[in-house]
Amino acid sequence: MVATSSFLMYSLWAAGPVTGGASTSLMMLTIPFVLLGIFRYQFLSDPDESFRRSSISSKQTAENPEEILLNDKGIRLIIISWIVTILIIGFQK
């Protein structure tokens, strides 16, 4: 429920000036990165996946979300792509 509401609120903000959010509606281009990030984190914090990954690294569990965010290559790629997209949109103005 938290993931759904977070995604919905970000999407409404990214819709732009019409909804009183971002300064440009081009921010809607960042919505897929947010959705992918939420899905990737949910996948990594799933108990079955967490048990499988515990043999690789005991630190990367749902109890240590900072370890997932800092050490998972997929999450890092999503965050970097999101930042690059925001910078490109920022320079368009």
PDB file of N, CA and C in Angstrom:
ATOM      1  N   MET A   1       0.816  -1.172   0.000  1.00  0.00           N
ATOM      2  CA  MET A   1       0.000   0.000   0.000  1.00  0.00           C
ATOM      3  C   MET A   1       0.874   1.255   0.000  1.00  0.00           C
ATOM      4  N   VAL A   2       1.974   1.224   0.714  1.00  0.00           N
ATOM      5  CA  VAL A   2       2.872   2.375   0.755  1.00  0.00           C
ATOM      6  C   VAL A   2       3.511   2.596  -0.615  1.00  0.00           C
ATOM      7  N   ALA A   3       3.893   1.516  -1.275  1.00  0.00           N
ATOM      8  CA  ALA A   3       4.501   1.639  -2.596  1.00  0.00           C
ATOM      9  C   ALA A   3       3.516   2.253  -3.592  1.00  0.00           C
ATOM     10  N   THR A   4       2.285   1.813  -3.538  1.00  0.00           N
ATOM     11  CA  THR A   4       1.264   2.330  -4.449  1.00  0.00           C
ATOM     12  C   THR A   4       1.017   3.807  -4.211  1.00  0.00           C
ATOM     13  N   SER A   5       0.880   4.203  -2.962  1.00  0.00           N
ATOM     14  CA  SER A   5       0.616   5.611  -2.669  1.00  0.00           C
ATOM     15  C   SER A   5       1.836   6.472  -3.000  1.00  0.00           C
ATOM     16  N   SER A   6       3.034   5.972  -2.784  1.00  0.00           N
ATOM     17  CA  SER A   6       4.237   6.720  -3.140  1.00  0.00           C
ATOM     18  C   SER A   6       4.308   6.941  -4.645  1.00  0.00           C
ATOM     19  N   PHE A   7       4.043   5.890  -5.396  1.00  0.00           N
ATOM     20  CA  PHE A   7       4.066   6.008  -6.847  1.00  0.00           C
ATOM     21  C   PHE A   7       2.989   6.976  -7.333  1.00  0.00           C
ATOM     22  N   LEU A   8       1.815   6.891  -6.782  1.00  0.00           N
ATOM     23  CA  LEU A   8       0.718   7.772  -7.176  1.00  0.00           C
ATOM     24  C   LEU A   8       1.050   9.232  -6.874  1.00  0.00           C
ATOM     25  N   MET A   9       1.573   9.514  -5.701  1.00  0.00           N
ATOM     26  CA  MET A   9       1.911  10.887  -5.335  1.00  0.00           C
ATOM     27  C   MET A   9       3.035  11.433  -6.212  1.00  0.00           C
ATOM     28  N   TYR A  10       4.037  10.613  -6.501  1.00  0.00           N
ATOM     29  CA  TYR A  10       5.122  11.066  -7.378  1.00  0.00           C
ATOM     30  C   TYR A  10       4.587  11.352  -8.774  1.00  0.00           C
ATOM     31  N   SER A  11       3.706  10.495  -9.262  1.00  0.00           N
ATOM     32  CA  SER A  11       3.130  10.688 -10.590  1.00  0.00           C
ATOM     33  C   SER A  11       2.309  11.966 -10.662  1.00  0.00           C
ATOM     34  N   LEU A  12       1.547  12.246  -9.629  1.00  0.00           N
ATOM     35  CA  LEU A  12       0.768  13.488  -9.600  1.00  0.00           C
ATOM     36  C   LEU A  12       1.689  14.699  -9.550  1.00  0.00           C
ATOM     37  N   TRP A  13       2.759  14.619  -8.775  1.00  0.00           N
ATOM     38  CA  TRP A  13       3.710  15.715  -8.729  1.00  0.00           C
ATOM     39  C   TRP A  13       4.386  15.914 -10.083  1.00  0.00           C
ATOM     40  N   ALA A  14       4.772  14.815 -10.722  1.00  0.00           N
ATOM     41  CA  ALA A  14       5.488  14.893 -11.998  1.00  0.00           C
ATOM     42  C   ALA A  14       4.601  15.387 -13.133  1.00  0.00           C
ATOM     43  N   ALA A  15       3.296  15.355 -12.945  1.00  0.00           N
ATOM     44  CA  ALA A  15       2.383  15.808 -14.005  1.00  0.00           C
ATOM     45  C   ALA A  15       2.596  17.275 -14.330  1.00  0.00           C
ATOM     46  N   GLY A  16       3.220  18.002 -13.445  1.00  0.00           N
ATOM     47  CA  GLY A  16       3.615  19.355 -13.763  1.00  0.00           C
ATOM     48  C   GLY A  16       2.764  20.437 -13.155  1.00  0.00           C
ATOM     49  N   PRO A  17       2.824  21.594 -13.772  1.00  0.00           N
ATOM     50  CA  PRO A  17       2.154  22.770 -13.221  1.00  0.00           C
ATOM     51  C   PRO A  17       0.635  22.635 -13.138  1.00  0.00           C
ATOM     52  N   VAL A  18       0.063  21.781 -13.919  1.00  0.00           N
ATOM     53  CA  VAL A  18      -1.390  21.604 -13.901  1.00  0.00           C
ATOM     54  C   VAL A  18      -1.864  21.154 -12.527  1.00  0.00           C
ATOM     55  N   THR A  19      -1.089  20.290 -11.884  1.00  0.00           N
ATOM     56  CA  THR A  19      -1.465  19.770 -10.563  1.00  0.00           C
ATOM     57  C   THR A  19      -0.720  20.465  -9.423  1.00  0.00           C
ATOM     58  N   GLY A  20       0.014  21.520  -9.749  1.00  0.00           N
ATOM     59  CA  GLY A  20       0.758  22.241  -8.725  1.00  0.00           C
ATOM     60  C   GLY A  20       2.029  21.530  -8.309  1.00  0.00           C
ATOM     61  N   GLY A  21       2.589  20.716  -9.175  1.00  0.00           N
ATOM     62  CA  GLY A  21       3.781  19.944  -8.838  1.00  0.00           C
ATOM     63  C   GLY A  21       5.033  20.506  -9.478  1.00  0.00           C
ATOM     64  N   ALA A  22       5.662  19.701 -10.292  1.00  0.00           N
ATOM     65  CA  ALA A  22       6.921  20.067 -10.932  1.00  0.00           C
ATOM     66  C   ALA A  22       6.723  21.278 -11.846  1.00  0.00           C
ATOM     67  N   SER A  23       7.830  21.940 -12.146  1.00  0.00           N
ATOM     68  CA  SER A  23       7.745  23.147 -12.968  1.00  0.00           C
ATOM     69  C   SER A  23       7.505  22.844 -14.441  1.00  0.00           C
ATOM     70  N   THR A  24       7.693  21.610 -14.850  1.00  0.00           N
ATOM     71  CA  THR A  24       7.458  21.214 -16.231  1.00  0.00           C
ATOM     72  C   THR A  24       6.843  19.818 -16.281  1.00  0.00           C
ATOM     73  N   SER A  25       5.999  19.599 -17.247  1.00  0.00           N
ATOM     74  CA  SER A  25       5.382  18.280 -17.379  1.00  0.00           C
ATOM     75  C   SER A  25       6.348  17.250 -17.970  1.00  0.00           C
ATOM     76  N   LEU A  26       7.536  17.681 -18.376  1.00  0.00           N
ATOM     77  CA  LEU A  26       8.547  16.732 -18.861  1.00  0.00           C
ATOM     78  C   LEU A  26       9.020  15.794 -17.752  1.00  0.00           C
ATOM     79  N   MET A  27       8.757  16.181 -16.506  1.00  0.00           N
ATOM     80  CA  MET A  27       9.131  15.307 -15.384  1.00  0.00           C
ATOM     81  C   MET A  27       8.381  13.983 -15.443  1.00  0.00           C
ATOM     82  N   MET A  28       7.345  13.909 -16.229  1.00  0.00           N
ATOM     83  CA  MET A  28       6.624  12.633 -16.380  1.00  0.00           C
ATOM     84  C   MET A  28       7.528  11.573 -17.003  1.00  0.00           C
ATOM     85  N   LEU A  29       8.607  11.998 -17.667  1.00  0.00           N
ATOM     86  CA  LEU A  29       9.565  11.041 -18.222  1.00  0.00           C
ATOM     87  C   LEU A  29      10.320  10.279 -17.141  1.00  0.00           C
ATOM     88  N   THR A  30      10.288  10.774 -15.907  1.00  0.00           N
ATOM     89  CA  THR A  30      10.991  10.107 -14.808  1.00  0.00           C
ATOM     90  C   THR A  30      10.128   9.066 -14.101  1.00  0.00           C
ATOM     91  N   ILE A  31       8.850   9.042 -14.406  1.00  0.00           N
ATOM     92  CA  ILE A  31       7.939   8.113 -13.729  1.00  0.00           C
ATOM     93  C   ILE A  31       8.342   6.644 -13.900  1.00  0.00           C
ATOM     94  N   PRO A  32       8.749   6.199 -15.105  1.00  0.00           N
ATOM     95  CA  PRO A  32       9.145   4.781 -15.222  1.00  0.00           C
ATOM     96  C   PRO A  32      10.313   4.397 -14.315  1.00  0.00           C
ATOM     97  N   PHE A  33      11.244   5.320 -14.097  1.00  0.00           N
ATOM     98  CA  PHE A  33      12.375   5.009 -13.219  1.00  0.00           C
ATOM     99  C   PHE A  33      11.913   4.811 -11.780  1.00  0.00           C
ATOM    100  N   VAL A  34      10.974   5.627 -11.339  1.00  0.00           N
ATOM    101  CA  VAL A  34      10.436   5.489  -9.983  1.00  0.00           C
ATOM    102  C   VAL A  34       9.709   4.152  -9.846  1.00  0.00           C
ATOM    103  N   LEU A  35       8.914   3.811 -10.830  1.00  0.00           N
ATOM    104  CA  LEU A  35       8.187   2.539 -10.801  1.00  0.00           C
ATOM    105  C   LEU A  35       9.157   1.356 -10.802  1.00  0.00           C
ATOM    106  N   LEU A  36      10.168   1.409 -11.658  1.00  0.00           N
ATOM    107  CA  LEU A  36      11.169   0.334 -11.684  1.00  0.00           C
ATOM    108  C   LEU A  36      11.908   0.228 -10.356  1.00  0.00           C
ATOM    109  N   GLY A  37      12.241   1.359  -9.749  1.00  0.00           N
ATOM    110  CA  GLY A  37      12.925   1.347  -8.460  1.00  0.00           C
ATOM    111  C   GLY A  37      12.082   0.715  -7.367  1.00  0.00           C
ATOM    112  N   ILE A  38      10.803   1.054  -7.348  1.00  0.00           N
ATOM    113  CA  ILE A  38       9.899   0.468  -6.348  1.00  0.00           C
ATOM    114  C   ILE A  38       9.772  -1.035  -6.560  1.00  0.00           C
ATOM    115  N   PHE A  39       9.583  -1.458  -7.812  1.00  0.00           N
ATOM    116  CA  PHE A  39       9.458  -2.888  -8.099  1.00  0.00           C
ATOM    117  C   PHE A  39      10.748  -3.638  -7.776  1.00  0.00           C
ATOM    118  N   ARG A  40      11.897  -3.044  -8.105  1.00  0.00           N
ATOM    119  CA  ARG A  40      13.173  -3.708  -7.834  1.00  0.00           C
ATOM    120  C   ARG A  40      13.376  -3.881  -6.323  1.00  0.00           C
ATOM    121  N   TYR A  41      13.061  -2.841  -5.547  1.00  0.00           N
ATOM    122  CA  TYR A  41      13.221  -2.939  -4.102  1.00  0.00           C
ATOM    123  C   TYR A  41      12.263  -3.977  -3.521  1.00  0.00           C
ATOM    124  N   GLN A  42      11.029  -4.009  -4.004  1.00  0.00           N
ATOM    125  CA  GLN A  42      10.075  -5.005  -3.513  1.00  0.00           C
ATOM    126  C   GLN A  42      10.546  -6.413  -3.848  1.00  0.00           C
ATOM    127  N   PHE A  43      11.120  -6.578  -5.033  1.00  0.00           N
ATOM    128  CA  PHE A  43      11.644  -7.886  -5.416  1.00  0.00           C
ATOM    129  C   PHE A  43      12.780  -8.305  -4.493  1.00  0.00           C
ATOM    130  N   LEU A  44      13.704  -7.392  -4.228  1.00  0.00           N
ATOM    131  CA  LEU A  44      14.857  -7.718  -3.387  1.00  0.00           C
ATOM    132  C   LEU A  44      14.484  -7.935  -1.930  1.00  0.00           C
ATOM    133  N   SER A  45      13.411  -7.298  -1.471  1.00  0.00           N
ATOM    134  CA  SER A  45      13.014  -7.470  -0.075  1.00  0.00           C
ATOM    135  C   SER A  45      11.998  -8.594   0.112  1.00  0.00           C
ATOM    136  N   ASP A  46      11.627  -9.279  -0.959  1.00  0.00           N
ATOM    137  CA  ASP A  46      10.733 -10.432  -0.863  1.00  0.00           C
ATOM    138  C   ASP A  46      11.415 -11.518  -0.027  1.00  0.00           C
ATOM    139  N   PRO A  47      10.691 -12.146   0.895  1.00  0.00           N
ATOM    140  CA  PRO A  47      11.330 -13.136   1.782  1.00  0.00           C
ATOM    141  C   PRO A  47      12.014 -14.284   1.041  1.00  0.00           C
ATOM    142  N   ASP A  48      11.397 -14.801  -0.018  1.00  0.00           N
ATOM    143  CA  ASP A  48      12.025 -15.905  -0.751  1.00  0.00           C
ATOM    144  C   ASP A  48      13.300 -15.447  -1.444  1.00  0.00           C
ATOM    145  N   GLU A  49      13.248 -14.287  -2.084  1.00  0.00           N
ATOM    146  CA  GLU A  49      14.433 -13.754  -2.749  1.00  0.00           C
ATOM    147  C   GLU A  49      15.490 -13.376  -1.727  1.00  0.00           C
ATOM    148  N   SER A  50      15.068 -12.842  -0.612  1.00  0.00           N
ATOM    149  CA  SER A  50      16.003 -12.464   0.447  1.00  0.00           C
ATOM    150  C   SER A  50      16.731 -13.696   0.984  1.00  0.00           C
ATOM    151  N   PHE A  51      16.009 -14.810   1.144  1.00  0.00           N
ATOM    152  CA  PHE A  51      16.630 -16.051   1.616  1.00  0.00           C
ATOM    153  C   PHE A  51      17.653 -16.562   0.605  1.00  0.00           C
ATOM    154  N   ARG A  52      17.308 -16.485  -0.691  1.00  0.00           N
ATOM    155  CA  ARG A  52      18.224 -16.931  -1.745  1.00  0.00           C
ATOM    156  C   ARG A  52      19.484 -16.071  -1.769  1.00  0.00           C
ATOM    157  N   ARG A  53      19.318 -14.762  -1.595  1.00  0.00           N
ATOM    158  CA  ARG A  53      20.449 -13.852  -1.653  1.00  0.00           C
ATOM    159  C   ARG A  53      21.277 -13.862  -0.370  1.00  0.00           C
ATOM    160  N   SER A  54      20.746 -14.423   0.713  1.00  0.00           N
ATOM    161  CA  SER A  54      21.494 -14.431   1.976  1.00  0.00           C
ATOM    162  C   SER A  54      22.774 -15.251   1.862  1.00  0.00           C
ATOM    163  N   SER A  55      22.802 -16.196   0.932  1.00  0.00           N
ATOM    164  CA  SER A  55      24.029 -16.961   0.730  1.00  0.00           C
ATOM    165  C   SER A  55      25.102 -16.111   0.059  1.00  0.00           C
ATOM    166  N   ILE A  56      24.676 -15.075  -0.655  1.00  0.00           N
ATOM    167  CA  ILE A  56      25.622 -14.175  -1.324  1.00  0.00           C
ATOM    168  C   ILE A  56      26.114 -13.113  -0.357  1.00  0.00           C
ATOM    169  N   SER A  57      25.172 -12.451   0.311  1.00  0.00           N
ATOM    170  CA  SER A  57      25.528 -11.386   1.256  1.00  0.00           C
ATOM    171  C   SER A  57      24.487 -11.339   2.357  1.00  0.00           C
ATOM    172  N   SER A  58      24.923 -11.518   3.567  1.00  0.00           N
ATOM    173  CA  SER A  58      23.978 -11.516   4.688  1.00  0.00           C
ATOM    174  C   SER A  58      23.519 -10.106   5.042  1.00  0.00           C
ATOM    175  N   LYS A  59      24.198  -9.072   4.531  1.00  0.00           N
ATOM    176  CA  LYS A  59      23.833  -7.700   4.848  1.00  0.00           C
ATOM    177  C   LYS A  59      22.646  -7.209   4.030  1.00  0.00           C
ATOM    178  N   GLN A  60      22.469  -7.726   2.834  1.00  0.00           N
ATOM    179  CA  GLN A  60      21.419  -7.230   1.950  1.00  0.00           C
ATOM    180  C   GLN A  60      20.089  -7.896   2.262  1.00  0.00           C
ATOM    181  N   THR A  61      19.432  -7.406   3.293  1.00  0.00           N
ATOM    182  CA  THR A  61      18.119  -7.910   3.668  1.00  0.00           C
ATOM    183  C   THR A  61      17.159  -6.732   3.797  1.00  0.00           C
ATOM    184  N   ALA A  62      15.889  -7.034   3.955  1.00  0.00           N
ATOM    185  CA  ALA A  62      14.886  -5.980   4.111  1.00  0.00           C
ATOM    186  C   ALA A  62      15.104  -5.192   5.397  1.00  0.00           C
ATOM    187  N   GLU A  63      15.816  -5.790   6.355  1.00  0.00           N
ATOM    188  CA  GLU A  63      16.105  -5.079   7.596  1.00  0.00           C
ATOM    189  C   GLU A  63      17.202  -4.036   7.408  1.00  0.00           C
ATOM    190  N   ASN A  64      17.945  -4.126   6.315  1.00  0.00           N
ATOM    191  CA  ASN A  64      19.016  -3.175   6.002  1.00  0.00           C
ATOM    192  C   ASN A  64      18.759  -2.550   4.628  1.00  0.00           C
ATOM    193  N   PRO A  65      17.762  -1.688   4.503  1.00  0.00           N
ATOM    194  CA  PRO A  65      17.450  -1.134   3.181  1.00  0.00           C
ATOM    195  C   PRO A  65      18.586  -0.301   2.604  1.00  0.00           C
ATOM    196  N   GLU A  66      19.398   0.302   3.468  1.00  0.00           N
ATOM    197  CA  GLU A  66      20.517   1.090   2.959  1.00  0.00           C
ATOM    198  C   GLU A  66      21.536   0.211   2.252  1.00  0.00           C
ATOM    199  N   GLU A  67      21.703  -1.028   2.701  1.00  0.00           N
ATOM    200  CA  GLU A  67      22.619  -1.957   2.042  1.00  0.00           C
ATOM    201  C   GLU A  67      22.108  -2.327   0.653  1.00  0.00           C
ATOM    202  N   ILE A  68      20.803  -2.507   0.533  1.00  0.00           N
ATOM    203  CA  ILE A  68      20.222  -2.811  -0.775  1.00  0.00           C
ATOM    204  C   ILE A  68      20.422  -1.626  -1.707  1.00  0.00           C
ATOM    205  N   LEU A  69      20.124  -0.425  -1.224  1.00  0.00           N
ATOM    206  CA  LEU A  69      20.230   0.765  -2.066  1.00  0.00           C
ATOM    207  C   LEU A  69      21.660   1.063  -2.486  1.00  0.00           C
ATOM    208  N   LEU A  70      22.610   0.790  -1.632  1.00  0.00           N
ATOM    209  CA  LEU A  70      24.002   1.108  -1.940  1.00  0.00           C
ATOM    210  C   LEU A  70      24.730   0.003  -2.690  1.00  0.00           C
ATOM    211  N   ASN A  71      24.305  -1.248  -2.537  1.00  0.00           N
ATOM    212  CA  ASN A  71      25.075  -2.355  -3.095  1.00  0.00           C
ATOM    213  C   ASN A  71      24.435  -3.067  -4.274  1.00  0.00           C
ATOM    214  N   ASP A  72      23.158  -2.852  -4.543  1.00  0.00           N
ATOM    215  CA  ASP A  72      22.516  -3.534  -5.657  1.00  0.00           C
ATOM    216  C   ASP A  72      22.767  -2.755  -6.948  1.00  0.00           C
ATOM    217  N   LYS A  73      23.340  -3.419  -7.941  1.00  0.00           N
ATOM    218  CA  LYS A  73      23.671  -2.756  -9.200  1.00  0.00           C
ATOM    219  C   LYS A  73      22.423  -2.268  -9.937  1.00  0.00           C
ATOM    220  N   GLY A  74      21.352  -3.031  -9.864  1.00  0.00           N
ATOM    221  CA  GLY A  74      20.116  -2.636 -10.539  1.00  0.00           C
ATOM    222  C   GLY A  74      19.531  -1.361  -9.966  1.00  0.00           C
ATOM    223  N   ILE A  75      19.484  -1.272  -8.647  1.00  0.00           N
ATOM    224  CA  ILE A  75      18.975  -0.067  -7.985  1.00  0.00           C
ATOM    225  C   ILE A  75      19.866   1.129  -8.300  1.00  0.00           C
ATOM    226  N   ARG A  76      21.178   0.929  -8.255  1.00  0.00           N
ATOM    227  CA  ARG A  76      22.090   2.033  -8.567  1.00  0.00           C
ATOM    228  C   ARG A  76      21.913   2.518  -9.993  1.00  0.00           C
ATOM    229  N   LEU A  77      21.749   1.600 -10.935  1.00  0.00           N
ATOM    230  CA  LEU A  77      21.534   1.977 -12.337  1.00  0.00           C
ATOM    231  C   LEU A  77      20.235   2.770 -12.499  1.00  0.00           C
ATOM    232  N   ILE A  78      19.194   2.353 -11.823  1.00  0.00           N
ATOM    233  CA  ILE A  78      17.913   3.056 -11.884  1.00  0.00           C
ATOM    234  C   ILE A  78      18.053   4.465 -11.312  1.00  0.00           C
ATOM    235  N   ILE A  79      18.727   4.602 -10.169  1.00  0.00           N
ATOM    236  CA  ILE A  79      18.897   5.917  -9.541  1.00  0.00           C
ATOM    237  C   ILE A  79      19.743   6.833 -10.420  1.00  0.00           C
ATOM    238  N   ILE A  80      20.819   6.313 -10.985  1.00  0.00           N
ATOM    239  CA  ILE A  80      21.671   7.127 -11.867  1.00  0.00           C
ATOM    240  C   ILE A  80      20.895   7.558 -13.098  1.00  0.00           C
ATOM    241  N   SER A  81      20.116   6.649 -13.684  1.00  0.00           N
ATOM    242  CA  SER A  81      19.306   6.992 -14.857  1.00  0.00           C
ATOM    243  C   SER A  81      18.270   8.056 -14.516  1.00  0.00           C
ATOM    244  N   TRP A  82      17.668   7.947 -13.339  1.00  0.00           N
ATOM    245  CA  TRP A  82      16.679   8.932 -12.889  1.00  0.00           C
ATOM    246  C   TRP A  82      17.326  10.311 -12.741  1.00  0.00           C
ATOM    247  N   ILE A  83      18.499  10.353 -12.127  1.00  0.00           N
ATOM    248  CA  ILE A  83      19.207  11.623 -11.934  1.00  0.00           C
ATOM    249  C   ILE A  83      19.610  12.235 -13.270  1.00  0.00           C
ATOM    250  N   VAL A  84      20.140  11.424 -14.176  1.00  0.00           N
ATOM    251  CA  VAL A  84      20.534  11.923 -15.497  1.00  0.00           C
ATOM    252  C   VAL A  84      19.322  12.490 -16.237  1.00  0.00           C
ATOM    253  N   THR A  85      18.201  11.806 -16.168  1.00  0.00           N
ATOM    254  CA  THR A  85      16.985  12.290 -16.826  1.00  0.00           C
ATOM    255  C   THR A  85      16.543  13.619 -16.231  1.00  0.00           C
ATOM    256  N   ILE A  86      16.593  13.747 -14.914  1.00  0.00           N
ATOM    257  CA  ILE A  86      16.221  15.009 -14.266  1.00  0.00           C
ATOM    258  C   ILE A  86      17.172  16.129 -14.696  1.00  0.00           C
ATOM    259  N   LEU A  87      18.470  15.840 -14.781  1.00  0.00           N
ATOM    260  CA  LEU A  87      19.422  16.861 -15.208  1.00  0.00           C
ATOM    261  C   LEU A  87      19.176  17.289 -16.651  1.00  0.00           C
ATOM    262  N   ILE A  88      18.891  16.334 -17.515  1.00  0.00           N
ATOM    263  CA  ILE A  88      18.600  16.657 -18.916  1.00  0.00           C
ATOM    264  C   ILE A  88      17.343  17.531 -19.010  1.00  0.00           C
ATOM    265  N   ILE A  89      16.332  17.184 -18.259  1.00  0.00           N
ATOM    266  CA  ILE A  89      15.088  17.988 -18.247  1.00  0.00           C
ATOM    267  C   ILE A  89      15.380  19.385 -17.695  1.00  0.00           C
ATOM    268  N   GLY A  90      16.205  19.460 -16.666  1.00  0.00           N
ATOM    269  CA  GLY A  90      16.559  20.751 -16.073  1.00  0.00           C
ATOM    270  C   GLY A  90      17.282  21.668 -17.041  1.00  0.00           C
ATOM    271  N   PHE A  91      18.121  21.106 -17.893  1.00  0.00           N
ATOM    272  CA  PHE A  91      18.858  21.909 -18.865  1.00  0.00           C
ATOM    273  C   PHE A  91      18.009  22.292 -20.070  1.00  0.00           C
ATOM    274  N   GLN A  92      16.856  21.663 -20.239  1.00  0.00           N
ATOM    275  CA  GLN A  92      15.943  21.989 -21.340  1.00  0.00           C
ATOM    276  C   GLN A  92      15.223  23.309 -21.110  1.00  0.00           C
ATOM    277  N   LYS A  93      15.126  23.705 -19.849  1.00  0.00           N
ATOM    278  CA  LYS A  93      14.369  24.909 -19.513  1.00  0.00           C
ATOM    279  C   LYS A  93      15.042  26.166 -19.942  1.00  0.00           C
TER     280      LYS A  93
END
